Amino acid sequence: MQSWKSCPSQTFICSRLHSFTQFLDVCSSSSDDYLILLGHNASGFDTPRLLLNGGLTFTSNLNEMKVLFGDSLPILKVLQHELNSPLQPATNKLGDVYEALFPDKFDTHDALEDVKALRKTLFTGPLQVPNKTLISHGKCTSPNNAFVQASYLARRKDTIQSYDGKLYLTD
């Protein structure tokens, strides 16, 4: 597994992670509650990349700030199966869900636009997802648990790739 520390852009990533940590520290210090970072398909994409790039110290800092990671994908899947759900014709893609709820479109896979669309989808309009649903169906997990899982998956991927071209059938 390649660490961000060996990348030429280490200074850039390090400064961005530091700024992000400072921002989260300000957010978390204004409340005794947990701070949930929620993203669409975050448990499979955003969270592992953030934590693996940040490393153990970054992960520990997030843990101390009472940060949790959540995923909106399982939330929307649950809401999609409710009776008379406005999401029933939509797929699980954020763009499709957004278009099922609102008349306008947004630029998918643009980080800022994705955040705005997810916020509007979950907290305004017909859904207005309550905190209880976010917590019970959002697969909220601590930074430490998410880091352990991301590390395991990265090692597993490296192991699988190490066998590429080295497995042979013998009769």
Protein backbone atom coordinates (compact mmCIF):
# COMPACT_ATOMS: atom_id res chain seq x y z
CA MET A 1 0.00 0.00 0.00
CA GLN A 2 1.50 3.32 -1.06
CA SER A 3 1.35 6.00 1.59
CA TRP A 4 0.64 9.63 0.84
CA LYS A 5 3.95 10.39 2.56
CA SER A 6 5.85 9.02 -0.44
CA CYS A 7 3.95 11.13 -2.98
CA PRO A 8 5.50 14.26 -4.46
CA SER A 9 2.43 16.24 -3.42
CA GLN A 10 2.88 15.33 0.27
CA THR A 11 3.07 18.97 1.35
CA PHE A 12 -0.14 19.82 -0.49
CA ILE A 13 -2.07 16.88 0.99
CA CYS A 14 -0.65 17.46 4.45
CA SER A 15 -1.65 21.13 4.44
CA ARG A 16 -5.17 20.28 3.23
CA LEU A 17 -5.63 17.60 5.88
CA HIS A 18 -4.37 20.04 8.52
CA SER A 19 -6.84 22.72 7.36
CA PHE A 20 -9.64 20.16 7.31
CA THR A 21 -8.76 19.05 10.85
CA GLN A 22 -8.81 22.66 12.05
CA PHE A 23 -12.23 23.19 10.44
CA LEU A 24 -13.61 20.03 12.07
CA ASP A 25 -12.12 21.06 15.41
CA VAL A 26 -14.04 24.35 15.26
CA CYS A 27 -17.24 22.48 14.33
CA SER A 28 -16.87 19.85 17.02
CA SER A 29 -15.88 22.25 19.80
CA SER A 30 -19.23 24.06 19.54
CA SER A 31 -21.15 20.95 20.63
CA ASP A 32 -20.93 17.94 22.92
CA ASP A 33 -22.60 15.77 20.28
CA TYR A 34 -20.86 13.68 17.69
CA LEU A 35 -20.03 15.32 14.36
CA ILE A 36 -21.16 13.08 11.51
CA LEU A 37 -19.42 13.40 8.15
CA LEU A 38 -21.97 12.07 5.68
CA GLY A 39 -21.34 11.24 2.05
CA HIS A 40 -23.04 9.28 -0.70
CA ASN A 41 -21.31 5.88 -0.94
CA ALA A 42 -18.76 7.32 1.49
CA SER A 43 -18.06 4.03 3.26
CA GLY A 44 -16.83 2.51 0.00
CA PHE A 45 -15.00 5.48 -1.47
CA ASP A 46 -14.52 8.80 0.36
CA THR A 47 -13.92 7.60 3.92
CA PRO A 48 -11.21 5.01 3.12
CA ARG A 49 -9.32 7.42 0.87
CA LEU A 50 -9.45 10.22 3.40
CA LEU A 51 -8.27 8.06 6.28
CA LEU A 52 -5.60 6.15 4.36
CA ASN A 53 -4.16 9.44 3.11
CA GLY A 54 -4.36 10.95 6.57
CA GLY A 55 -2.84 8.03 8.45
CA LEU A 56 -3.10 7.00 12.08
CA THR A 57 -2.42 10.40 13.66
CA PHE A 58 -5.08 12.07 11.53
CA THR A 59 -7.52 9.26 12.34
CA SER A 60 -6.80 9.54 16.07
CA ASN A 61 -7.37 13.29 15.96
CA LEU A 62 -10.77 12.76 14.35
CA ASN A 63 -11.61 10.18 17.00
CA GLU A 64 -10.75 12.65 19.78
CA MET A 65 -13.01 15.26 18.15
CA LYS A 66 -15.94 12.78 18.29
CA VAL A 67 -16.22 12.57 14.50
CA LEU A 68 -18.20 9.74 12.94
CA PHE A 69 -18.43 8.73 9.28
CA GLY A 70 -21.82 8.00 7.75
CA ASP A 71 -23.11 6.90 4.37
CA SER A 72 -26.27 8.20 2.68
CA LEU A 73 -26.52 5.29 0.25
CA PRO A 74 -28.07 2.81 2.72
CA ILE A 75 -30.36 5.58 4.01
CA LEU A 76 -31.73 6.23 0.54
CA LYS A 77 -32.15 2.48 -0.08
CA VAL A 78 -34.34 2.24 3.03
CA LEU A 79 -36.35 5.32 2.08
CA GLN A 80 -36.77 4.01 -1.47
CA HIS A 81 -38.64 0.94 -0.18
CA GLU A 82 -41.12 2.90 1.93
CA LEU A 83 -44.72 2.99 0.78
CA ASN A 84 -45.44 5.98 -1.52
CA SER A 85 -41.78 6.97 -1.56
CA PRO A 86 -40.87 9.67 -4.10
CA LEU A 87 -37.66 7.69 -4.67
CA GLN A 88 -39.27 4.50 -6.02
CA PRO A 89 -38.50 5.13 -9.72
CA ALA A 90 -34.96 6.32 -8.99
CA THR A 91 -31.75 4.30 -8.98
CA ASN A 92 -29.32 4.68 -6.09
CA LYS A 93 -27.16 7.18 -7.96
CA LEU A 94 -27.21 10.59 -6.30
CA GLY A 95 -28.00 12.32 -9.61
CA ASP A 96 -31.02 10.09 -10.25
CA VAL A 97 -32.31 10.51 -6.70
CA TYR A 98 -31.90 14.28 -6.94
CA GLU A 99 -33.74 14.42 -10.26
CA ALA A 100 -36.60 12.32 -8.84
CA LEU A 101 -37.09 14.91 -6.10
CA PHE A 102 -36.29 18.23 -7.78
CA PRO A 103 -36.92 19.70 -11.24
CA ASP A 104 -33.35 20.96 -11.71
CA LYS A 105 -30.14 19.01 -12.39
CA PHE A 106 -26.66 19.31 -10.94
CA ASP A 107 -23.14 18.57 -12.13
CA THR A 108 -22.51 15.06 -10.78
CA HIS A 109 -19.02 14.06 -9.65
CA ASP A 110 -18.13 17.66 -8.84
CA ALA A 111 -17.32 17.50 -5.12
CA LEU A 112 -18.95 20.78 -4.10
CA GLU A 113 -22.02 20.19 -6.25
CA ASP A 114 -22.36 16.65 -4.86
CA VAL A 115 -22.30 18.03 -1.30
CA LYS A 116 -24.93 20.66 -2.11
CA ALA A 117 -27.13 18.10 -3.85
CA LEU A 118 -26.85 15.59 -1.01
CA ARG A 119 -27.69 18.27 1.54
CA LYS A 120 -30.73 19.39 -0.45
CA THR A 121 -31.83 15.79 -1.07
CA LEU A 122 -31.68 14.70 2.56
CA PHE A 123 -32.66 17.82 4.48
CA THR A 124 -35.10 19.79 2.29
CA GLY A 125 -37.94 18.95 -0.05
CA PRO A 126 -40.04 15.85 0.42
CA LEU A 127 -37.53 13.73 2.39
CA GLN A 128 -36.32 15.86 5.32
CA VAL A 129 -34.57 12.85 6.84
CA PRO A 130 -34.63 12.91 10.65
CA ASN A 131 -31.41 12.48 12.65
CA LYS A 132 -32.68 9.16 14.02
CA THR A 133 -32.83 7.75 10.46
CA LEU A 134 -29.37 9.11 9.64
CA ILE A 135 -27.89 7.39 12.65
CA SER A 136 -29.84 4.12 12.48
CA HIS A 137 -29.41 3.53 8.72
CA GLY A 138 -26.32 5.59 7.82
CA LYS A 139 -23.80 2.97 8.94
CA CYS A 140 -22.13 5.50 11.24
CA THR A 141 -18.69 4.36 12.35
CA SER A 142 -15.75 5.79 14.23
CA PRO A 143 -12.62 6.92 12.41
CA ASN A 144 -10.65 4.12 14.09
CA ASN A 145 -13.06 1.42 12.89
CA ALA A 146 -13.20 2.92 9.39
CA PHE A 147 -9.38 3.09 9.26
CA VAL A 148 -9.03 -0.57 10.30
CA GLN A 149 -11.53 -1.63 7.63
CA ALA A 150 -9.90 0.57 4.94
CA SER A 151 -6.45 -0.81 5.80
CA TYR A 152 -7.73 -4.38 5.61
CA LEU A 153 -9.34 -3.76 2.21
CA ALA A 154 -6.19 -2.07 0.88
CA ARG A 155 -4.02 -5.02 2.03
CA ARG A 156 -6.50 -7.46 0.51
CA LYS A 157 -6.42 -5.60 -2.81
CA ASP A 158 -2.59 -5.58 -2.78
CA THR A 159 -2.54 -9.32 -2.04
CA ILE A 160 -4.96 -10.10 -4.85
CA GLN A 161 -2.97 -7.96 -7.28
CA SER A 162 0.25 -9.70 -6.25
CA TYR A 163 -1.15 -12.94 -7.72
CA ASP A 164 -1.81 -11.35 -11.10
CA GLY A 165 -0.30 -13.62 -13.75
CA LYS A 166 1.11 -16.03 -11.15
CA LEU A 167 -1.78 -18.46 -10.80
CA TYR A 168 -1.80 -21.47 -13.08
CA LEU A 169 -4.20 -24.34 -13.54
CA THR A 170 -2.65 -27.74 -13.20
CA ASP A 171 -4.38 -30.81 -14.55
